[in-house]
Each structure stands twice: as structure tokens, then as C-alpha cells.
Amino acid sequence: MRLSLAEAALGCAAKLEAPASIAAPGALVAQGYSIDSRTVAAGELFFAVKGERLDGHDFLAGAIERGAVGAVVSLERVATLPDAVLAAPLLIVEDTLQALQALASHVRRHWGGRVVGVTGSAGKTSTKDAVALALSARFNVLKSLGNLNNGFGLPLQLLRLEPEHQYAVLEMGMNHAGEIAHLARIAAPDWGVITNVGMAHVENFADGQAGIARAKYELVEALPGTGVAFLNCDDRYVGQFGRDFAGKAIYFGAGPCADPQIVSVTELAVADSGCLEMEIRSEGETGMLRLPLLGRHNATNAAAAIAVAREAGIGLGDAMRALETLRPGEKRGRMLSYAGATVIDDSYNSNPEALKSMIEALAARPAKRRILVAGEMLELGDFAPELHAECGRAAAEAGIDVVIGVRGNAEHLVLAVKEAAAPGVAAVFLPDAEAAGEWLKENLRAGDVVLVKGSRGVRLERAIGGLTS
């Protein structure tokens, strides 16, 4: 949202200062907002945020040189700023990250639309995309880009709001207790969608999955009494989240627990292409949805989107037609070709529940050989060896022909495959993504189907990049 520097200063409780050579600095208008000096565009307001590794104050000169209309800076750093930075309008605050979040909250509360928050251990980005697409059948919708879902990314998405937007669909991620509650204080969601509770980030929760469930429930707790919670009743934790909620709870899912008056999946099949074909029933209507995404788990994501759309007054047919245009995001299930083989690039991230779902999707694909390249799953703490082994057993039971484990705890996955698989199944452990890429270049054959999936830190996209370099 475009704001004058005077209004931006008010929204983030900043002191606006500028040299006398700049007449009426408060009247200057921010055309956008950035925390990255490499990509800041002319006319944007730059927030000099301090991250885990870098401090935006060290890159202020570059941001101003690229045409930033001004910068939000910390009071303790003002005395050290170079003259080139001091020549620009500055919004001076105690903490620049808090200022970013405060301005986002200011914009959200002065905007007249409805915020839909989406969270879950797996599938939240796909669900967020599906919900936004279904709502766009009738409304002007802002959705968060990619997975910008934390204390840095979510405020930047709220700052993209414009008066013409009617809905904002925002992904909310977390890796520790209290994070979703904090994000909800910024975004003030009216509706909330929760996909599932898995073991992602379990190393940060002393009480394991139960602690993760409580952290996800923070989204329900944050909703107003007039709010709506959309809950996946197929999940044993999420299915209980509506019991103490004062607002309206709507249960969706791909199983019999879903409310047929809202949305239920009555038939589900996987086409030879791997895409989903499902019969949807809602409020007495029935329709067939063909979803161009891999994996049965996407049926639940689609059900969530239709439930939200129906609550917003959108017809079943309109919502389904919108969803049929849904496409996987980058590194989130896109299919590539190499030497006659099909490569499913799901390399953006991984956790045990998501990996098992994609193993099932891989097993459903017709192929000469089905190959799994599974990178280490991070942030699992003491649970890591057993959770990797569980995924290895799942791959063996699904009949995957070749399993490649990449880095660290993925060795436990490979060992489990060797123990559980039928004779003739190959299981190999490799040290890094580059080695996995070399293996693929040397061993892929026409007719193979390969799934590549691992945690962000393993950088398995490098294995795929090597196929075209």
C-alpha cells in the first residue's frame, strides 16, 4: 500500500528526519517496501532489518543508491551512518523489525477486507495457493508470495495490500511455540485454515507432536468470536481444534468426517498422469474436480479451498473451475524431463509427513523404474533417526525401485530400505546434492520417474540443476 513517509512514520512510531535540502519529506510517498538492498526498487522504503547473519544497516548506501525513497533505521546506528545515507529521509526507530511489523499491522487495521490465515505442518503453501485461487473466482485476492510466512515475510505481504483487495490469504509458518500467535497479532486473521499437525521442527518441542499441535492451535485462539476456523477433520489433532472455539468451526477433509453440507470428497482416483480426479459434494451439489497436482494429499488441500470459497458465498462450480487452473509452485512438485526420464522437482523442503505423501504419489506413477532421491530432513532432533527410518520403510512398502539418501540422517532412511525392501531394490547413501546430481546423470534411463525431495538446507535443487548444466 502506498503511504506518505509521514503516515509510514506514524504507523511504525518513527521519528522522521531529513536534511533541509529535502522539502516536505513527509509528503514523499513509498511505492513499496523492502528489506533486501539487492532488490529494492526505486521509490520503495527500505527497512534496515538485522537478520541472523546480516544487518541491513551495512547495506543502506546501496539501497539509497538504487533509489529507495527513504530508510527505516535504528537509533543506535544513526551516528555511524555515512553521509550518503544521511542525505536521504530517515525514519528512526528503536527496532527496525518491530517497526516493519508495526507498519504492517497499521496497514492491515486500516484496510477493510478479510484476512485468511493458513498454517499446518505440511501442505500449507499449496493450500494457501488453492484457497486464494478459489476465492479469486469472485473476489480481488492478495495472497502471500512463495512461503513468505514468518516475522519478516508476513509483514511484507501485508504491506502489499491495496484498497481494492477484498481478501488476503496469508501463510503462517512456525518453528517454535508462540510464533503463530505473534504473526496473528500482526495480521489479525478473521478466518483460519489448519491443514495438519506433523513432526516438522519437532526438535524445538520438548513434548513432541503434542507441543506442535498446541503451537498450531494458536491460530484458532487468535480468531475473533465472529471468526471461522476451517479444520482438517482427517487429522487426529486438528479434528479436535473446534471444541472450545467460540466462533464457527467448519470441518473439511477427504474422509467421512467432513461435513457434507459444506464440502466432502466422495470419490478419489489418481489418473495415469498422477493428477487427481475427485467427486466433490457440497450443499446438495455434486461436481467432478480434476486437479493437476500430484499426490492424494492435495485432495484435502482442495477440500479446504472449496470450504473457504463456499463460506464466502462462491458456488461449487465456480470454485472447482478456478482450482482446475492450479499449478504446482517452483520446486513444489513440478515435472521436468531429462534423457527420456521424468523428474518430479519437490526439492523446496521436506518433513516426514510430506515425504510419505509424495512417496505414495511416486508409487502411483507408471514407470520403468521409480526412483526416490530423499535429502535429509532437518530440525527433527532426537527423533531424526527413527523418522528417517519410517520414511525408508514407507518407500520399501510402496515398491520404490531405487532409493538415494542424501546427507546426514538420510543414511537411516537408506538402511531401513535395505532391511525392509524386496531383493533387487537398490538403496544408496550419498554425501551431498552434487553427488546425487552426478548419480542421476550417470544412471537415469528413459522411462524412469524420479522424485527429488529434501529439506531446504540440503539444497537438492543442485542435483536437478546438474541435469541441464
Protein backbone atom coordinates (compact mmCIF):
# COMPACT_ATOMS: atom_id res chain seq x y z
CA MET A 1 0.00 0.00 0.00
CA ARG A 2 1.37 3.37 -0.98
CA LEU A 3 1.89 5.60 2.06
CA SER A 4 3.42 9.00 2.58
CA LEU A 5 6.54 8.95 4.72
CA ALA A 6 4.60 10.93 7.32
CA GLU A 7 1.94 8.20 7.53
CA ALA A 8 4.59 5.47 7.50
CA ALA A 9 6.34 7.20 10.39
CA LEU A 10 3.04 7.35 12.28
CA GLY A 11 2.33 3.67 11.58
CA CYS A 12 5.66 2.44 12.92
CA ALA A 13 6.14 5.07 15.66
CA ALA A 14 9.21 6.55 13.97
CA LYS A 15 10.83 9.97 14.07
CA LEU A 16 11.14 11.30 10.52
CA GLU A 17 14.34 13.23 9.84
CA ALA A 18 15.71 14.62 6.59
CA PRO A 19 18.26 17.26 5.55
CA ALA A 20 16.99 20.77 4.92
CA SER A 21 17.58 20.28 1.21
CA ILE A 22 14.58 17.92 1.04
CA ALA A 23 11.42 20.00 1.15
CA ALA A 24 8.42 18.39 2.88
CA PRO A 25 9.97 14.91 3.27
CA GLY A 26 6.79 13.65 4.91
CA ALA A 27 4.91 14.17 1.66
CA LEU A 28 7.15 11.74 -0.21
CA VAL A 29 5.30 8.52 -1.00
CA ALA A 30 6.60 4.98 -0.54
CA GLN A 31 5.69 2.92 -3.60
CA GLY A 32 6.61 -0.33 -1.88
CA TYR A 33 8.69 -1.83 0.94
CA SER A 34 11.86 -3.89 1.07
CA ILE A 35 14.36 -5.47 3.45
CA ASP A 36 16.79 -6.53 0.69
CA SER A 37 19.16 -3.87 -0.64
CA ARG A 38 19.90 -6.05 -3.69
CA THR A 39 16.33 -5.96 -4.97
CA VAL A 40 14.96 -2.71 -3.53
CA ALA A 41 13.26 -0.75 -6.31
CA ALA A 42 13.16 2.98 -6.89
CA GLY A 43 10.57 4.62 -4.67
CA GLU A 44 10.47 1.85 -2.08
CA LEU A 45 11.00 2.37 1.65
CA PHE A 46 13.93 0.28 2.87
CA PHE A 47 13.88 -1.30 6.34
CA ALA A 48 17.41 -1.88 7.67
CA VAL A 49 16.49 -5.12 9.44
CA LYS A 50 19.07 -7.19 11.29
CA GLY A 51 18.86 -10.89 10.49
CA GLU A 52 20.73 -13.95 11.76
CA ARG A 53 23.76 -13.29 9.54
CA LEU A 54 23.46 -9.82 8.04
CA ASP A 55 22.47 -6.36 9.23
CA GLY A 56 20.60 -4.16 6.76
CA HIS A 57 22.34 -1.07 8.17
CA ASP A 58 25.52 -2.25 6.46
CA PHE A 59 23.78 -2.03 3.08
CA LEU A 60 21.94 1.27 3.44
CA ALA A 61 24.16 3.13 0.98
CA GLY A 62 23.37 0.57 -1.73
CA ALA A 63 19.65 0.82 -1.06
CA ILE A 64 19.71 4.60 -1.32
CA GLU A 65 21.79 4.41 -4.49
CA ARG A 66 19.19 2.10 -6.03
CA GLY A 67 16.55 4.78 -5.48
CA ALA A 68 14.93 3.98 -2.14
CA VAL A 69 12.67 6.87 -1.13
CA GLY A 70 13.97 6.60 2.42
CA ALA A 71 15.06 4.15 5.07
CA VAL A 72 13.91 2.92 8.45
CA VAL A 73 16.96 2.78 10.71
CA SER A 74 17.82 2.01 14.31
CA LEU A 75 18.51 4.92 16.65
CA GLU A 76 21.71 3.27 17.91
CA ARG A 77 23.15 3.15 14.37
CA VAL A 78 22.36 6.72 13.26
CA ALA A 79 25.66 8.14 14.46
CA THR A 80 27.60 5.66 12.32
CA LEU A 81 25.72 6.20 9.05
CA PRO A 82 27.64 7.61 6.05
CA ASP A 83 26.81 10.97 4.56
CA ALA A 84 25.17 9.38 1.50
CA VAL A 85 22.60 7.77 3.78
CA LEU A 86 22.11 10.85 5.98
CA ALA A 87 21.23 12.78 2.81
CA ALA A 88 18.05 10.71 2.47
CA PRO A 89 14.86 10.80 4.58
CA LEU A 90 15.25 8.51 7.59
CA LEU A 91 12.59 7.03 9.84
CA ILE A 92 14.36 6.47 13.16
CA VAL A 93 13.08 3.74 15.50
CA GLU A 94 14.30 1.63 18.39
CA ASP A 95 13.97 -1.69 16.50
CA THR A 96 13.60 -1.89 12.73
CA LEU A 97 11.98 -5.34 12.64
CA GLN A 98 9.39 -4.27 15.17
CA ALA A 99 8.82 -1.16 13.08
CA LEU A 100 8.22 -3.28 9.96
CA GLN A 101 5.71 -5.39 11.85
CA ALA A 102 4.01 -2.38 13.38
CA LEU A 103 3.57 -0.71 9.99
CA ALA A 104 2.14 -3.92 8.55
CA SER A 105 -0.31 -4.11 11.45
CA HIS A 106 -1.23 -0.45 10.88
CA VAL A 107 -1.98 -1.10 7.20
CA ARG A 108 -3.96 -4.24 7.95
CA ARG A 109 -6.18 -2.49 10.51
CA HIS A 110 -6.91 0.41 8.18
CA TRP A 111 -7.76 -1.91 5.29
CA GLY A 112 -11.36 -3.03 5.02
CA GLY A 113 -11.02 -6.63 3.83
CA ARG A 114 -10.84 -10.09 5.36
CA VAL A 115 -7.65 -11.96 6.25
CA VAL A 116 -7.48 -15.75 5.92
CA GLY A 117 -4.52 -17.31 7.74
CA VAL A 118 -3.26 -20.73 6.64
CA THR A 119 -0.99 -22.98 8.66
CA GLY A 120 -0.05 -26.65 9.04
CA SER A 121 2.97 -28.91 9.24
CA ALA A 122 2.70 -29.92 5.58
CA GLY A 123 0.88 -28.56 2.56
CA LYS A 124 0.27 -25.03 3.81
CA THR A 125 1.79 -23.34 0.75
CA SER A 126 -0.26 -25.48 -1.65
CA THR A 127 -3.37 -24.91 0.46
CA LYS A 128 -2.74 -21.17 0.58
CA ASP A 129 -2.46 -21.11 -3.22
CA ALA A 130 -5.64 -23.19 -3.59
CA VAL A 131 -7.64 -21.03 -1.16
CA ALA A 132 -6.56 -17.83 -2.90
CA LEU A 133 -7.40 -19.24 -6.32
CA ALA A 134 -10.85 -20.44 -5.25
CA LEU A 135 -11.66 -17.06 -3.69
CA SER A 136 -10.47 -15.28 -6.83
CA ALA A 137 -13.45 -16.77 -8.68
CA ARG A 138 -15.41 -13.82 -7.30
CA PHE A 139 -13.13 -11.57 -5.26
CA ASN A 140 -9.97 -9.49 -5.64
CA VAL A 141 -7.47 -11.52 -3.61
CA LEU A 142 -3.97 -10.84 -2.31
CA LYS A 143 -2.02 -13.98 -1.48
CA SER A 144 1.36 -14.20 0.17
CA LEU A 145 4.12 -14.92 -2.32
CA GLY A 146 6.04 -18.19 -2.09
CA ASN A 147 6.42 -19.12 1.55
CA LEU A 148 6.99 -15.64 2.99
CA ASN A 149 5.34 -16.74 6.20
CA ASN A 150 7.50 -15.60 9.14
CA GLY A 151 8.10 -12.41 11.10
CA PHE A 152 10.00 -10.90 8.16
CA GLY A 153 7.93 -12.17 5.23
CA LEU A 154 4.38 -11.87 6.54
CA PRO A 155 4.63 -8.11 7.24
CA LEU A 156 5.99 -7.52 3.75
CA GLN A 157 2.97 -9.34 2.33
CA LEU A 158 0.54 -7.23 4.36
CA LEU A 159 2.25 -4.12 3.07
CA ARG A 160 1.28 -5.23 -0.46
CA LEU A 161 -2.40 -4.71 0.39
CA GLU A 162 -4.32 -2.20 -1.71
CA PRO A 163 -7.80 -0.77 -1.09
CA GLU A 164 -9.24 -2.83 -3.95
CA HIS A 165 -8.27 -6.13 -2.34
CA GLN A 166 -11.21 -7.88 -0.67
CA TYR A 167 -9.38 -10.88 0.77
CA ALA A 168 -5.80 -11.52 1.86
CA VAL A 169 -4.71 -15.17 2.10
CA LEU A 170 -1.57 -15.39 4.20
CA GLU A 171 0.60 -18.37 5.03
CA MET A 172 1.71 -18.56 8.66
CA GLY A 173 4.71 -20.71 9.48
CA MET A 174 6.36 -21.53 12.75
CA ASN A 175 9.26 -23.46 14.22
CA HIS A 176 8.64 -22.70 17.89
CA ALA A 177 5.77 -22.06 20.28
CA GLY A 178 4.33 -18.54 20.25
CA GLU A 179 5.32 -17.71 16.66
CA ILE A 180 1.87 -18.12 15.12
CA ALA A 181 0.34 -16.12 17.98
CA HIS A 182 2.83 -13.34 17.21
CA LEU A 183 2.06 -13.43 13.48
CA ALA A 184 -1.65 -13.36 14.24
CA ARG A 185 -1.23 -10.21 16.33
CA ILE A 186 0.26 -8.58 13.24
CA ALA A 187 -2.20 -9.94 10.66
CA ALA A 188 -5.40 -10.09 12.77
CA PRO A 189 -6.90 -13.01 10.79
CA ASP A 190 -10.68 -13.25 10.52
CA TRP A 191 -10.63 -16.85 9.25
CA GLY A 192 -8.06 -19.59 9.80
CA VAL A 193 -7.27 -22.79 7.90
CA ILE A 194 -5.25 -25.59 9.52
CA THR A 195 -4.13 -28.49 7.35
CA ASN A 196 -2.43 -30.92 9.74
CA VAL A 197 -0.07 -31.45 12.65
CA GLY A 198 3.10 -33.38 11.86
CA MET A 199 6.65 -33.65 13.14
CA ALA A 200 8.25 -30.74 11.29
CA HIS A 201 10.52 -28.69 13.63
CA VAL A 202 9.95 -31.23 16.42
CA GLU A 203 13.46 -30.62 17.79
CA ASN A 204 12.11 -27.33 19.17
CA PHE A 205 9.31 -29.00 21.14
CA ALA A 206 10.19 -30.94 24.28
CA ASP A 207 6.80 -32.64 24.31
CA GLY A 208 6.95 -33.65 20.65
CA GLN A 209 3.91 -33.62 18.40
CA ALA A 210 1.55 -32.53 21.17
CA GLY A 211 3.59 -29.33 21.51
CA ILE A 212 3.43 -28.77 17.77
CA ALA A 213 -0.35 -29.17 17.95
CA ARG A 214 -0.60 -26.51 20.64
CA ALA A 215 1.52 -24.18 18.52
CA LYS A 216 -0.76 -24.68 15.50
CA TYR A 217 -3.83 -24.12 17.70
CA GLU A 218 -2.57 -20.60 18.32
CA LEU A 219 -4.21 -19.63 15.01
CA VAL A 220 -7.63 -20.76 16.26
CA GLU A 221 -7.09 -18.94 19.56
CA ALA A 222 -6.31 -15.74 17.67
CA LEU A 223 -9.57 -15.71 15.68
CA PRO A 224 -12.35 -13.37 16.84
CA GLY A 225 -15.64 -14.68 18.18
CA THR A 226 -17.15 -13.87 14.79
CA GLY A 227 -14.36 -15.76 13.02
CA VAL A 228 -14.36 -19.07 11.17
CA ALA A 229 -11.91 -21.95 11.69
CA PHE A 230 -11.55 -24.38 8.78
CA LEU A 231 -10.20 -27.61 10.23
CA ASN A 232 -8.97 -30.82 8.60
CA CYS A 233 -11.01 -33.43 10.45
CA ASP A 234 -8.88 -36.25 8.96
CA ASP A 235 -6.03 -35.13 11.22
CA ARG A 236 -6.32 -36.51 14.76
CA TYR A 237 -5.15 -33.26 16.32
CA VAL A 238 -6.75 -30.67 14.05
CA GLY A 239 -10.05 -32.53 14.18
CA GLN A 240 -10.27 -31.56 17.88
CA PHE A 241 -9.44 -27.88 17.45
CA GLY A 242 -13.05 -26.68 17.19
CA ARG A 243 -14.25 -28.00 20.56
CA ASP A 244 -13.55 -24.85 22.60
CA PHE A 245 -13.69 -22.31 19.77
CA ALA A 246 -16.34 -19.62 20.32
CA GLY A 247 -16.66 -18.91 16.60
CA LYS A 248 -17.77 -21.13 13.72
CA ALA A 249 -15.84 -24.35 13.04
CA ILE A 250 -16.07 -25.93 9.58
CA TYR A 251 -14.62 -29.41 9.11
CA PHE A 252 -13.19 -30.40 5.75
CA GLY A 253 -11.32 -33.49 4.63
CA ALA A 254 -11.12 -36.37 2.20
CA GLY A 255 -12.71 -38.83 4.64
CA PRO A 256 -16.20 -39.45 6.07
CA CYS A 257 -15.73 -36.97 8.93
CA ALA A 258 -16.13 -33.96 6.62
CA ASP A 259 -19.38 -32.01 6.74
CA PRO A 260 -21.30 -32.89 3.54
CA GLN A 261 -23.28 -29.68 3.87
CA ILE A 262 -20.01 -27.79 3.37
CA VAL A 263 -17.67 -30.00 1.34
CA SER A 264 -16.86 -33.69 1.22
CA VAL A 265 -14.77 -35.78 -1.17
CA THR A 266 -16.98 -38.74 -2.09
CA GLU A 267 -14.71 -40.37 -4.68
CA LEU A 268 -10.98 -40.03 -5.28
CA ALA A 269 -8.82 -41.54 -8.01
CA VAL A 270 -5.33 -40.96 -9.40
CA ALA A 271 -5.03 -40.70 -13.19
CA ASP A 272 -2.08 -42.25 -15.05
CA SER A 273 -0.62 -38.74 -15.24
CA GLY A 274 -0.56 -38.69 -11.45
CA CYS A 275 -3.16 -35.92 -11.29
CA LEU A 276 -6.22 -36.24 -9.05
CA GLU A 277 -9.80 -36.83 -10.06
CA MET A 278 -12.31 -36.40 -7.27
CA GLU A 279 -16.04 -36.09 -6.80
CA ILE A 280 -16.97 -33.18 -4.56
CA ARG A 281 -20.29 -32.82 -2.77
CA SER A 282 -21.39 -29.55 -1.18
CA GLU A 283 -24.80 -28.34 -0.05
CA GLY A 284 -26.63 -30.85 -2.23
CA GLU A 285 -24.48 -30.17 -5.31
CA THR A 286 -22.02 -32.65 -6.80
CA GLY A 287 -19.18 -32.00 -9.22
CA MET A 288 -16.09 -33.68 -10.60
CA LEU A 289 -12.81 -31.88 -9.96
CA ARG A 290 -9.69 -32.66 -11.96
CA LEU A 291 -6.75 -31.26 -10.03
CA PRO A 292 -3.42 -31.01 -11.90
CA LEU A 293 -1.32 -31.76 -8.81
CA LEU A 294 0.48 -34.89 -7.67
CA GLY A 295 -0.46 -36.76 -4.52
CA ARG A 296 -3.68 -37.74 -2.76
CA HIS A 297 -2.87 -35.25 0.00
CA ASN A 298 -3.82 -32.48 -2.42
CA ALA A 299 -7.43 -33.66 -2.23
CA THR A 300 -7.51 -32.37 1.35
CA ASN A 301 -5.95 -29.07 0.26
CA ALA A 302 -8.62 -28.70 -2.44
CA ALA A 303 -11.36 -29.50 0.08
CA ALA A 304 -10.04 -26.72 2.31
CA ALA A 305 -10.15 -24.26 -0.57
CA ILE A 306 -13.70 -25.19 -1.53
CA ALA A 307 -14.83 -24.94 2.10
CA VAL A 308 -13.45 -21.40 2.32
CA ALA A 309 -14.95 -20.45 -1.04
CA ARG A 310 -18.37 -21.79 -0.07
CA GLU A 311 -18.32 -19.86 3.20
CA ALA A 312 -17.50 -16.75 1.15
CA GLY A 313 -20.63 -17.35 -0.98
CA ILE A 314 -18.93 -18.78 -4.08
CA GLY A 315 -20.73 -21.55 -5.97
CA LEU A 316 -19.25 -25.04 -6.11
CA GLY A 317 -18.85 -24.97 -9.89
CA ASP A 318 -17.07 -21.62 -9.86
CA ALA A 319 -14.68 -22.75 -7.11
CA MET A 320 -13.86 -26.00 -8.91
CA ARG A 321 -13.27 -24.30 -12.24
CA ALA A 322 -10.82 -21.96 -10.54
CA LEU A 323 -8.99 -24.86 -8.85
CA GLU A 324 -8.58 -26.72 -12.13
CA THR A 325 -6.17 -23.96 -13.19
CA LEU A 326 -3.96 -24.56 -10.13
CA ARG A 327 -0.35 -25.43 -10.92
CA PRO A 328 2.49 -26.51 -8.61
CA GLY A 329 4.86 -23.81 -7.48
CA GLU A 330 8.57 -23.79 -8.23
CA LYS A 331 10.34 -26.76 -6.59
CA ARG A 332 6.97 -27.95 -5.27
CA GLY A 333 6.07 -30.87 -7.50
CA ARG A 334 6.84 -29.51 -10.95
CA MET A 335 7.70 -32.15 -13.54
CA LEU A 336 10.82 -31.88 -15.70
CA SER A 337 12.23 -34.10 -18.44
CA TYR A 338 15.77 -35.42 -18.81
CA ALA A 339 17.02 -38.11 -21.21
CA GLY A 340 13.53 -39.57 -21.54
CA ALA A 341 13.03 -39.68 -17.76
CA THR A 342 10.53 -37.65 -15.74
CA VAL A 343 11.88 -35.73 -12.75
CA ILE A 344 9.44 -34.52 -10.08
CA ASP A 345 11.09 -31.47 -8.54
CA ASP A 346 9.78 -31.23 -4.99
CA SER A 347 13.10 -30.03 -3.67
CA TYR A 348 11.96 -26.91 -1.83
CA ASN A 349 11.54 -28.57 1.55
CA SER A 350 10.67 -31.80 3.32
CA ASN A 351 9.31 -33.30 6.51
CA PRO A 352 8.22 -36.86 7.35
CA GLU A 353 4.53 -36.42 6.55
CA ALA A 354 5.15 -34.60 3.28
CA LEU A 355 7.77 -37.14 2.18
CA LYS A 356 5.47 -40.09 2.84
CA SER A 357 2.69 -38.41 0.85
CA MET A 358 4.99 -37.87 -2.11
CA ILE A 359 6.33 -41.43 -1.90
CA GLU A 360 2.73 -42.57 -2.32
CA ALA A 361 2.36 -40.24 -5.31
CA LEU A 362 5.57 -41.60 -6.85
CA ALA A 363 4.40 -45.18 -6.37
CA ALA A 364 1.18 -44.38 -8.25
CA ARG A 365 3.04 -43.23 -11.37
CA PRO A 366 3.53 -45.71 -14.23
CA ALA A 367 7.26 -46.05 -14.87
CA LYS A 368 10.03 -48.46 -15.79
CA ARG A 369 11.74 -47.56 -12.52
CA ARG A 370 10.55 -45.36 -9.70
CA ILE A 371 13.47 -43.55 -8.06
CA LEU A 372 13.40 -41.59 -4.82
CA VAL A 373 16.11 -39.03 -4.07
CA ALA A 374 15.45 -38.14 -0.44
CA GLY A 375 17.51 -35.46 1.23
CA GLU A 376 18.00 -35.24 4.98
CA MET A 377 15.03 -33.81 6.89
CA LEU A 378 16.25 -31.16 9.31
CA GLU A 379 15.04 -29.89 12.70
CA LEU A 380 13.87 -33.31 13.88
CA GLY A 381 16.23 -33.51 16.88
CA ASP A 382 16.41 -36.84 18.69
CA PHE A 383 13.50 -38.12 16.59
CA ALA A 384 15.53 -37.83 13.36
CA PRO A 385 16.93 -41.39 13.06
CA GLU A 386 13.56 -43.10 13.59
CA LEU A 387 11.59 -40.64 11.45
CA HIS A 388 14.02 -41.11 8.56
CA ALA A 389 13.79 -44.88 9.03
CA GLU A 390 9.98 -44.67 8.92
CA CYS A 391 10.19 -42.96 5.54
CA GLY A 392 12.61 -45.63 4.34
CA ARG A 393 10.16 -48.35 5.34
CA ALA A 394 7.37 -46.44 3.58
CA ALA A 395 9.45 -46.35 0.39
CA ALA A 396 10.12 -50.09 0.63
CA GLU A 397 6.45 -50.90 1.24
CA ALA A 398 5.44 -48.69 -1.70
CA GLY A 399 7.69 -50.68 -4.02
CA ILE A 400 10.08 -47.88 -4.95
CA ASP A 401 12.82 -49.41 -7.12
CA VAL A 402 15.77 -47.17 -6.24
CA VAL A 403 16.25 -45.04 -3.13
CA ILE A 404 19.02 -42.44 -2.87
CA GLY A 405 19.52 -40.89 0.57
CA VAL A 406 21.40 -37.60 0.61
CA ARG A 407 23.35 -36.27 3.58
CA GLY A 408 23.29 -36.82 7.32
CA ASN A 409 20.33 -38.64 8.79
CA ALA A 410 19.16 -39.76 5.36
CA GLU A 411 21.54 -42.67 5.95
CA HIS A 412 18.94 -44.09 8.37
CA LEU A 413 16.39 -43.95 5.57
CA VAL A 414 18.70 -45.94 3.29
CA LEU A 415 19.44 -48.54 5.97
CA ALA A 416 15.71 -49.03 6.58
CA VAL A 417 15.13 -49.60 2.88
CA LYS A 418 17.85 -52.23 2.79
CA GLU A 419 16.29 -54.02 5.75
CA ALA A 420 12.70 -53.88 4.51
CA ALA A 421 12.84 -53.93 0.71
CA ALA A 422 12.45 -56.88 -1.61
CA PRO A 423 15.55 -58.30 -3.33
CA GLY A 424 16.69 -56.24 -6.28
CA VAL A 425 15.81 -52.86 -4.76
CA ALA A 426 18.79 -50.52 -4.78
CA ALA A 427 19.48 -48.19 -1.85
CA VAL A 428 22.44 -45.80 -1.87
CA PHE A 429 23.64 -43.11 0.54
CA LEU A 430 25.40 -40.05 -0.91
CA PRO A 431 27.07 -37.16 0.95
CA ASP A 432 25.55 -34.14 -0.80
CA ALA A 433 23.32 -32.79 -3.57
CA GLU A 434 26.16 -32.59 -6.07
CA ALA A 435 26.86 -36.30 -5.69
CA ALA A 436 23.17 -37.01 -6.15
CA GLY A 437 23.20 -34.98 -9.36
CA GLU A 438 26.14 -36.97 -10.68
CA TRP A 439 24.37 -40.23 -9.84
CA LEU A 440 21.28 -39.10 -11.75
CA LYS A 441 23.29 -38.05 -14.81
CA GLU A 442 25.05 -41.39 -14.92
CA ASN A 443 22.12 -43.67 -14.12
CA LEU A 444 18.84 -42.22 -15.36
CA ARG A 445 17.17 -44.15 -18.17
CA ALA A 446 14.28 -43.40 -20.47
CA GLY A 447 11.01 -44.25 -18.75
CA ASP A 448 12.28 -43.62 -15.22
CA VAL A 449 10.29 -41.39 -12.86
CA VAL A 450 12.33 -39.63 -10.17
CA LEU A 451 11.10 -37.80 -7.07
CA VAL A 452 13.60 -35.31 -5.61
CA LYS A 453 12.70 -34.05 -2.13
CA GLY A 454 14.70 -32.78 0.84
CA SER A 455 14.92 -30.07 3.46
CA ARG A 456 15.87 -26.59 2.29
CA GLY A 457 19.33 -26.82 3.84
CA VAL A 458 20.25 -29.83 1.69
CA ARG A 459 19.82 -27.76 -1.50
CA LEU A 460 18.67 -30.68 -3.63
CA GLU A 461 17.79 -28.30 -6.45
CA ARG A 462 21.51 -28.51 -7.21
CA ALA A 463 21.07 -32.18 -8.06
CA ILE A 464 18.43 -31.27 -10.61
CA GLY A 465 20.34 -28.26 -11.91
CA GLY A 466 23.19 -30.59 -12.79
CA LEU A 467 20.94 -32.44 -15.24
CA THR A 468 20.80 -29.44 -17.55
CA SER A 469 24.23 -27.89 -16.99
